[in-house]
Amino acid sequence: MSVSRISALGAIALSGALALSACASENNGAAPGAGSTAAGSTASGDCFSGDLKAEGSSAQKNAIDEAIKAYQTACADANIDYQPTGSGAGIKQFIAKQVDFAGSDSALKTEPKDGKIEADDAKASCGTEAWNLPMVTGPIAIAYNVKGVDKLVLDAEVAAKVFDGKITTWNDPAIAALNKGVTLPATPIKVFFRSDESGTTENFTKYLKAAAPEAWSYETGKKWTGKGEGKEKSAGVATATKGQDGGITYVELSYAQQNQLPMAQIDTGSGPVELTAESAGKTIATAKQTGTGNNLALKIDYATKEAGAYPIVLVTYEIVCSKYADAETGKKVKSFLKTFASDEVQQGLEAAGYAPLPTEVATKVQTAVNAIS
């Protein structure tokens, strides 16, 4: 799928996200960082000097790189260091006060796991409420590399069995049944998964668990529990798949595009659905806010059967303190995230394989960012 198709469909598709009625802003055609305009509208006169540290989601790396470029174009004395170590690592470092904010492809957990509740630990670390601010939206591709196969259809059950090592060759009857008329080779299937704790893994396993509960018996979470070979971060699984005939992985759209990997269409029961901004937007449109006030955590319906809806999507959050113990740190986080959430930068993210936040959602995020202190 071309980037231009994302750009053309993104604003229309995501206009109904979160059941909000506002339409997405029109793409102004300018990539962030191309000049001072993108950052200038939100950052000039509000620049900080010095360092800002963050880490976490590798899914948003290409997006946050654009935001950093835009900010530092306008604010030359600012040094923003974002390390794409994975969502789990980012949250741990945020709670340990080693970074100023974290990127995560899932909201802070409000239920106990391993005797801990992430949201409570983050609140204790901040000394105030920690907020989940959705900043980047994008679908997760099932990307593959099979010589001679340019089009592939999977459903949740078959995908679950592939990623659980129960379907081991590409010409397996279950795959063939979904791909009539396609010549499938006997090439062994090579699954690549995220070896680091990842919000992408969590969202993908939520899809498998919700849409194929009998085929996927594992619990959902940031740590992979299926079969395959682990590679670090999104770039790792994408690169490994590109270099392996018979390879398959789950990875964000932007990484699949960068590596020119074909992506499977997903049949939810209403026919095969190609991954586009429009089809992903139909699923995002069913998301509901589970947080209150400026805590904008969302719940996605991964088992949707709506016609034309692509079900494997994620939202990357910036995890922040609502009020920082160090006021200067709060000002830095607020200043940078104002640029990241700005209409100019959000629109420019389309060219990097993401989709802009719908206007009314962006307005809620911008309101929350302005409330950071």
Protein backbone atom coordinates (compact mmCIF):
# COMPACT_ATOMS: atom_id res chain seq x y z
CA MET A 1 0.00 0.00 0.00
CA SER A 2 1.41 3.39 -0.92
CA VAL A 3 1.89 6.28 1.44
CA SER A 4 -0.19 8.43 -0.88
CA ARG A 5 -3.16 6.15 -0.27
CA ILE A 6 -2.77 6.62 3.46
CA SER A 7 -2.72 10.38 2.94
CA ALA A 8 -5.79 10.36 0.76
CA LEU A 9 -7.89 8.23 3.06
CA GLY A 10 -6.60 9.03 6.51
CA ALA A 11 -8.59 12.12 7.32
CA ILE A 12 -11.87 10.64 6.08
CA ALA A 13 -11.38 7.28 7.75
CA LEU A 14 -10.50 8.53 11.17
CA SER A 15 -13.14 11.23 11.39
CA GLY A 16 -15.44 8.99 13.37
CA ALA A 17 -12.82 7.74 15.79
CA LEU A 18 -13.92 7.41 19.40
CA ALA A 19 -17.47 7.98 18.15
CA LEU A 20 -16.74 11.67 17.78
CA SER A 21 -18.28 13.57 14.92
CA ALA A 22 -15.55 15.99 13.94
CA CYS A 23 -13.66 15.40 10.71
CA ALA A 24 -9.89 15.07 10.60
CA SER A 25 -7.92 18.12 9.56
CA GLU A 26 -6.95 18.33 5.91
CA ASN A 27 -3.38 17.43 5.07
CA ASN A 28 -1.49 20.62 4.34
CA GLY A 29 1.11 18.67 2.36
CA ALA A 30 4.03 19.90 4.46
CA ALA A 31 6.26 17.47 6.26
CA PRO A 32 7.15 18.51 9.79
CA GLY A 33 10.69 19.73 10.09
CA ALA A 34 10.67 21.10 6.53
CA GLY A 35 10.78 24.59 8.00
CA SER A 36 9.92 26.43 11.17
CA THR A 37 6.18 26.54 10.51
CA ALA A 38 5.19 23.24 12.09
CA ALA A 39 6.98 23.82 15.33
CA GLY A 40 6.78 27.58 15.22
CA SER A 41 3.05 27.72 15.78
CA THR A 42 3.37 25.94 19.09
CA ALA A 43 6.94 26.20 20.26
CA SER A 44 8.54 29.51 19.25
CA GLY A 45 8.59 31.78 22.27
CA ASP A 46 7.92 28.70 24.39
CA CYS A 47 11.20 26.86 23.77
CA PHE A 48 13.20 25.19 26.48
CA SER A 49 16.93 24.78 26.52
CA GLY A 50 18.64 21.70 27.86
CA ASP A 51 17.72 18.03 27.84
CA LEU A 52 14.46 16.05 27.76
CA LYS A 53 14.64 12.28 28.05
CA ALA A 54 12.04 9.72 27.05
CA GLU A 55 11.86 6.13 25.90
CA GLY A 56 9.47 3.34 25.10
CA SER A 57 7.38 2.36 22.07
CA SER A 58 9.36 1.60 18.94
CA ALA A 59 6.07 1.71 17.03
CA GLN A 60 6.05 5.48 17.34
CA LYS A 61 9.76 6.01 16.66
CA ASN A 62 9.30 7.31 13.13
CA ALA A 63 6.50 9.60 14.32
CA ILE A 64 8.29 11.03 17.32
CA ASP A 65 11.42 11.54 15.23
CA GLU A 66 9.38 13.86 13.02
CA ALA A 67 8.05 15.72 16.06
CA ILE A 68 11.55 16.08 17.50
CA LYS A 69 12.84 17.38 14.18
CA ALA A 70 10.04 19.93 14.04
CA TYR A 71 10.60 21.07 17.62
CA GLN A 72 14.36 21.36 17.36
CA THR A 73 14.02 23.30 14.10
CA ALA A 74 12.30 26.04 16.07
CA CYS A 75 14.14 25.46 19.37
CA ALA A 76 17.80 24.96 18.58
CA ASP A 77 18.88 24.82 22.24
CA ALA A 78 16.62 21.90 23.07
CA ASN A 79 17.98 18.36 23.08
CA ILE A 80 15.25 15.70 23.02
CA ASP A 81 16.48 12.14 23.40
CA TYR A 82 13.94 9.38 22.69
CA GLN A 83 15.10 5.77 22.90
CA PRO A 84 12.81 3.16 21.22
CA THR A 85 13.43 0.47 23.84
CA GLY A 86 9.87 -0.92 23.76
CA SER A 87 6.72 0.02 25.67
CA GLY A 88 7.43 -2.18 28.69
CA ALA A 89 10.92 -0.80 29.17
CA GLY A 90 9.68 2.76 28.74
CA ILE A 91 7.04 2.42 31.45
CA LYS A 92 9.54 0.81 33.82
CA GLN A 93 12.00 3.65 33.27
CA PHE A 94 9.26 6.25 33.75
CA ILE A 95 8.19 4.68 37.03
CA ALA A 96 11.85 4.51 38.08
CA LYS A 97 12.17 8.26 37.32
CA GLN A 98 14.88 7.64 34.74
CA VAL A 99 12.98 9.37 31.93
CA ASP A 100 10.65 12.36 31.78
CA PHE A 101 7.87 10.62 29.87
CA ALA A 102 7.28 7.24 28.25
CA GLY A 103 5.84 6.07 24.96
CA SER A 104 3.57 3.03 25.23
CA ASP A 105 1.34 1.19 22.77
CA SER A 106 -1.03 0.37 25.61
CA ALA A 107 -2.34 2.44 28.46
CA LEU A 108 -1.07 1.99 32.01
CA LYS A 109 -2.57 -1.13 33.54
CA THR A 110 -5.21 -0.63 36.20
CA GLU A 111 -5.36 -4.32 37.12
CA PRO A 112 -2.65 -6.16 39.07
CA LYS A 113 -0.02 -8.16 37.23
CA ASP A 114 2.88 -9.85 39.01
CA GLY A 115 1.66 -8.18 42.18
CA LYS A 116 1.89 -4.66 40.75
CA ILE A 117 -0.50 -2.16 39.20
CA GLU A 118 1.22 0.07 36.65
CA ALA A 119 -1.15 3.00 37.08
CA ASP A 120 -0.67 3.00 40.86
CA ASP A 121 3.11 2.72 40.55
CA ALA A 122 3.18 5.59 38.06
CA LYS A 123 1.02 7.72 40.34
CA ALA A 124 3.33 7.01 43.26
CA SER A 125 6.35 7.91 41.16
CA CYS A 126 4.79 11.16 39.95
CA GLY A 127 3.26 12.09 43.27
CA THR A 128 0.17 12.98 41.22
CA GLU A 129 -2.01 11.23 38.66
CA ALA A 130 -0.24 9.85 35.60
CA TRP A 131 -2.06 10.45 32.33
CA ASN A 132 -2.29 8.36 29.15
CA LEU A 133 -2.28 10.74 26.19
CA PRO A 134 -2.99 9.13 22.78
CA MET A 135 -0.56 10.74 20.36
CA VAL A 136 0.01 8.35 17.46
CA THR A 137 -2.53 6.14 15.71
CA GLY A 138 -1.70 3.32 13.35
CA PRO A 139 -2.55 -0.23 12.33
CA ILE A 140 -0.47 -3.36 12.89
CA ALA A 141 0.36 -5.28 9.73
CA ILE A 142 0.82 -9.00 9.44
CA ALA A 143 3.80 -8.62 7.13
CA TYR A 144 5.29 -11.53 5.24
CA ASN A 145 7.93 -12.48 2.69
CA VAL A 146 7.03 -15.47 0.53
CA LYS A 147 8.54 -15.71 -2.93
CA GLY A 148 5.83 -15.53 -5.57
CA VAL A 149 3.03 -14.57 -3.17
CA ASP A 150 2.05 -10.93 -3.52
CA LYS A 151 -1.46 -11.25 -2.11
CA LEU A 152 -2.42 -13.16 1.01
CA VAL A 153 -5.60 -13.49 3.07
CA LEU A 154 -5.60 -14.64 6.69
CA ASP A 155 -8.24 -14.78 9.38
CA ALA A 156 -7.77 -14.70 13.14
CA GLU A 157 -7.88 -18.47 13.61
CA VAL A 158 -5.31 -19.23 10.91
CA ALA A 159 -3.09 -16.35 12.04
CA ALA A 160 -3.22 -17.64 15.61
CA LYS A 161 -2.19 -21.12 14.50
CA VAL A 162 0.64 -19.73 12.37
CA PHE A 163 2.02 -17.63 15.24
CA ASP A 164 1.60 -20.56 17.61
CA GLY A 165 3.60 -22.89 15.37
CA LYS A 166 0.64 -25.16 14.59
CA ILE A 167 0.65 -24.29 10.90
CA THR A 168 4.20 -24.69 9.64
CA THR A 169 4.20 -24.48 5.82
CA TRP A 170 2.79 -21.90 3.46
CA ASN A 171 0.79 -24.42 1.44
CA ASP A 172 -1.06 -25.67 4.50
CA PRO A 173 -4.71 -26.47 3.62
CA ALA A 174 -6.01 -23.89 6.11
CA ILE A 175 -4.08 -21.09 4.37
CA ALA A 176 -4.98 -22.46 0.92
CA ALA A 177 -8.69 -22.41 1.80
CA LEU A 178 -8.50 -18.66 2.36
CA ASN A 179 -6.46 -18.07 -0.80
CA LYS A 180 -8.21 -19.94 -3.62
CA GLY A 181 -6.43 -19.52 -6.94
CA VAL A 182 -3.14 -18.52 -5.30
CA THR A 183 -0.15 -20.81 -5.79
CA LEU A 184 1.31 -21.31 -2.32
CA PRO A 185 4.77 -22.88 -1.98
CA ALA A 186 5.76 -25.59 0.48
CA THR A 187 8.22 -23.13 2.02
CA PRO A 188 8.50 -23.47 5.81
CA ILE A 189 6.92 -20.64 7.78
CA LYS A 190 9.40 -18.65 9.85
CA VAL A 191 7.73 -16.58 12.57
CA PHE A 192 9.52 -13.54 13.98
CA PHE A 193 8.27 -11.92 17.19
CA ARG A 194 9.27 -9.02 19.41
CA SER A 195 11.78 -10.28 22.00
CA ASP A 196 11.51 -7.07 24.03
CA GLU A 197 8.40 -6.23 26.02
CA SER A 198 6.21 -4.46 23.52
CA GLY A 199 2.86 -2.76 23.37
CA THR A 200 2.67 -3.93 19.76
CA THR A 201 2.84 -7.50 21.02
CA GLU A 202 0.11 -6.71 23.53
CA ASN A 203 -2.22 -5.23 20.92
CA PHE A 204 -1.57 -8.07 18.48
CA THR A 205 -2.24 -10.75 21.10
CA LYS A 206 -5.37 -8.88 22.19
CA TYR A 207 -6.58 -9.24 18.61
CA LEU A 208 -5.77 -12.97 18.51
CA LYS A 209 -7.38 -13.57 21.90
CA ALA A 210 -10.51 -11.58 21.12
CA ALA A 211 -11.06 -12.81 17.57
CA ALA A 212 -9.84 -16.43 17.91
CA PRO A 213 -10.08 -17.40 21.59
CA GLU A 214 -10.11 -21.13 20.91
CA ALA A 215 -7.01 -21.01 18.70
CA TRP A 216 -5.05 -18.58 20.91
CA SER A 217 -4.99 -19.91 24.44
CA TYR A 218 -2.33 -17.60 25.83
CA GLU A 219 -2.88 -14.54 27.96
CA THR A 220 -2.35 -11.15 26.35
CA GLY A 221 0.56 -8.98 27.36
CA LYS A 222 3.71 -7.15 26.34
CA LYS A 223 5.80 -10.35 26.46
CA TRP A 224 5.40 -12.79 23.57
CA THR A 225 4.08 -16.24 24.52
CA GLY A 226 3.70 -17.86 21.09
CA LYS A 227 6.31 -19.53 18.94
CA GLY A 228 9.03 -18.27 16.61
CA GLU A 229 12.33 -16.42 16.78
CA GLY A 230 12.64 -13.22 18.75
CA LYS A 231 14.10 -9.99 17.39
CA GLU A 232 14.43 -6.68 19.18
CA LYS A 233 12.08 -3.86 18.39
CA SER A 234 9.96 -3.18 15.32
CA ALA A 235 12.97 -2.62 13.11
CA GLY A 236 14.36 -6.00 14.14
CA VAL A 237 11.33 -8.09 13.20
CA ALA A 238 10.78 -6.18 9.96
CA THR A 239 14.40 -6.56 8.86
CA ALA A 240 14.44 -10.25 9.77
CA THR A 241 11.26 -10.92 7.79
CA LYS A 242 12.58 -9.04 4.77
CA GLY A 243 15.68 -11.24 4.79
CA GLN A 244 13.89 -14.58 5.19
CA ASP A 245 11.92 -16.33 2.46
CA GLY A 246 8.88 -17.71 4.27
CA GLY A 247 9.12 -15.09 7.01
CA ILE A 248 6.13 -13.56 8.78
CA THR A 249 5.77 -11.07 11.61
CA TYR A 250 3.45 -8.52 13.18
CA VAL A 251 4.70 -4.96 12.88
CA GLU A 252 3.44 -1.40 12.53
CA LEU A 253 2.44 -0.20 9.09
CA SER A 254 5.31 2.28 8.79
CA TYR A 255 7.92 -0.45 9.27
CA ALA A 256 6.24 -2.73 6.75
CA GLN A 257 6.22 0.13 4.27
CA GLN A 258 9.85 1.04 4.92
CA ASN A 259 10.92 -2.54 4.27
CA GLN A 260 8.58 -2.95 1.29
CA LEU A 261 6.94 -5.99 2.86
CA PRO A 262 3.55 -7.20 1.57
CA MET A 263 0.78 -7.23 4.15
CA ALA A 264 -1.96 -9.80 4.62
CA GLN A 265 -5.59 -8.90 4.18
CA ILE A 266 -7.66 -9.89 7.22
CA ASP A 267 -11.01 -11.65 6.93
CA THR A 268 -13.13 -10.94 10.00
CA GLY A 269 -16.09 -12.86 8.60
CA SER A 270 -17.28 -10.10 6.29
CA GLY A 271 -14.72 -10.69 3.54
CA PRO A 272 -11.00 -9.89 3.21
CA VAL A 273 -10.03 -6.38 4.31
CA GLU A 274 -6.93 -4.64 3.01
CA LEU A 275 -4.94 -2.59 5.49
CA THR A 276 -5.63 1.08 4.75
CA ALA A 277 -6.19 4.17 6.86
CA GLU A 278 -9.88 3.95 6.01
CA SER A 279 -10.26 0.31 7.08
CA ALA A 280 -8.25 0.85 10.27
CA GLY A 281 -10.30 3.95 11.00
CA LYS A 282 -13.50 1.91 11.03
CA THR A 283 -12.12 -0.08 13.94
CA ILE A 284 -10.69 2.94 15.72
CA ALA A 285 -14.15 4.49 15.43
CA THR A 286 -15.45 1.88 17.88
CA ALA A 287 -12.88 2.73 20.57
CA LYS A 288 -14.23 4.04 23.86
CA GLN A 289 -12.50 6.25 26.40
CA THR A 290 -11.98 4.33 29.62
CA GLY A 291 -10.06 7.02 31.45
CA THR A 292 -11.62 10.11 32.98
CA GLY A 293 -10.84 13.77 32.50
CA ASN A 294 -7.42 14.25 30.95
CA ASN A 295 -6.59 10.56 31.27
CA LEU A 296 -7.48 9.56 27.71
CA ALA A 297 -7.04 5.77 27.84
CA LEU A 298 -9.03 3.93 25.16
CA LYS A 299 -10.57 0.48 24.69
CA ILE A 300 -10.46 -1.00 21.17
CA ASP A 301 -12.84 -3.66 19.83
CA TYR A 302 -10.39 -6.14 18.28
CA ALA A 303 -13.15 -8.64 17.50
CA THR A 304 -15.14 -6.24 15.34
CA LYS A 305 -16.95 -7.85 12.41
CA GLU A 306 -17.97 -4.60 10.78
CA ALA A 307 -17.68 -4.84 7.01
CA GLY A 308 -14.53 -3.18 5.72
CA ALA A 309 -12.97 -2.79 9.19
CA TYR A 310 -9.33 -3.80 9.63
CA PRO A 311 -9.18 -5.07 13.23
CA ILE A 312 -5.49 -4.99 14.22
CA VAL A 313 -4.79 -1.43 15.33
CA LEU A 314 -2.93 0.35 18.08
CA VAL A 315 -2.76 3.73 19.72
CA THR A 316 0.54 4.91 21.12
CA TYR A 317 0.27 6.95 24.29
CA GLU A 318 2.67 9.38 25.89
CA ILE A 319 2.67 8.55 29.60
CA VAL A 320 3.17 11.73 31.62
CA CYS A 321 2.80 13.09 35.12
CA SER A 322 -0.13 15.47 35.41
CA LYS A 323 2.06 17.57 37.71
CA TYR A 324 5.80 17.08 37.83
CA ALA A 325 7.72 17.33 41.08
CA ASP A 326 10.23 19.43 39.18
CA ALA A 327 8.37 22.32 37.58
CA GLU A 328 11.02 22.85 34.91
CA THR A 329 10.67 19.25 33.75
CA GLY A 330 6.92 19.74 33.50
CA LYS A 331 7.45 22.81 31.33
CA LYS A 332 9.77 20.90 29.00
CA VAL A 333 7.38 17.97 28.61
CA LYS A 334 4.46 20.33 28.05
CA SER A 335 6.33 22.42 25.47
CA PHE A 336 7.45 19.45 23.39
CA LEU A 337 4.13 17.61 23.51
CA LYS A 338 2.33 20.79 22.42
CA THR A 339 4.31 20.52 19.20
CA PHE A 340 3.76 16.75 18.88
CA ALA A 341 -0.02 17.20 19.30
CA SER A 342 -0.20 20.24 17.02
CA ASP A 343 -2.26 20.03 13.84
CA GLU A 344 0.80 20.76 11.71
CA VAL A 345 2.88 17.88 13.05
CA GLN A 346 -0.06 15.46 13.20
CA GLN A 347 -0.91 16.11 9.55
CA GLY A 348 2.71 15.60 8.56
CA LEU A 349 2.78 12.14 10.15
CA GLU A 350 0.80 10.72 7.24
CA ALA A 351 3.95 10.74 5.11
CA ALA A 352 5.66 8.55 7.72
CA GLY A 353 2.96 5.86 7.56
CA TYR A 354 0.76 7.02 10.42
CA ALA A 355 -2.58 8.81 10.58
CA PRO A 356 -3.34 12.16 12.22
CA LEU A 357 -5.54 12.33 15.28
CA PRO A 358 -9.10 13.36 14.40
CA THR A 359 -9.66 17.04 15.16
CA GLU A 360 -11.82 16.62 18.25
CA VAL A 361 -9.55 13.91 19.67
CA ALA A 362 -6.55 16.12 18.98
CA THR A 363 -8.33 18.95 20.78
CA LYS A 364 -8.78 16.76 23.87
CA VAL A 365 -5.12 15.77 23.76
CA GLN A 366 -4.06 19.40 23.33
CA THR A 367 -6.22 20.37 26.31
CA ALA A 368 -4.61 17.68 28.44
CA VAL A 369 -1.10 18.71 27.34
CA ASN A 370 -1.84 22.32 28.28
CA ALA A 371 -2.87 21.12 31.74
CA ILE A 372 0.52 19.49 32.44
CA SER A 373 2.45 21.41 35.08
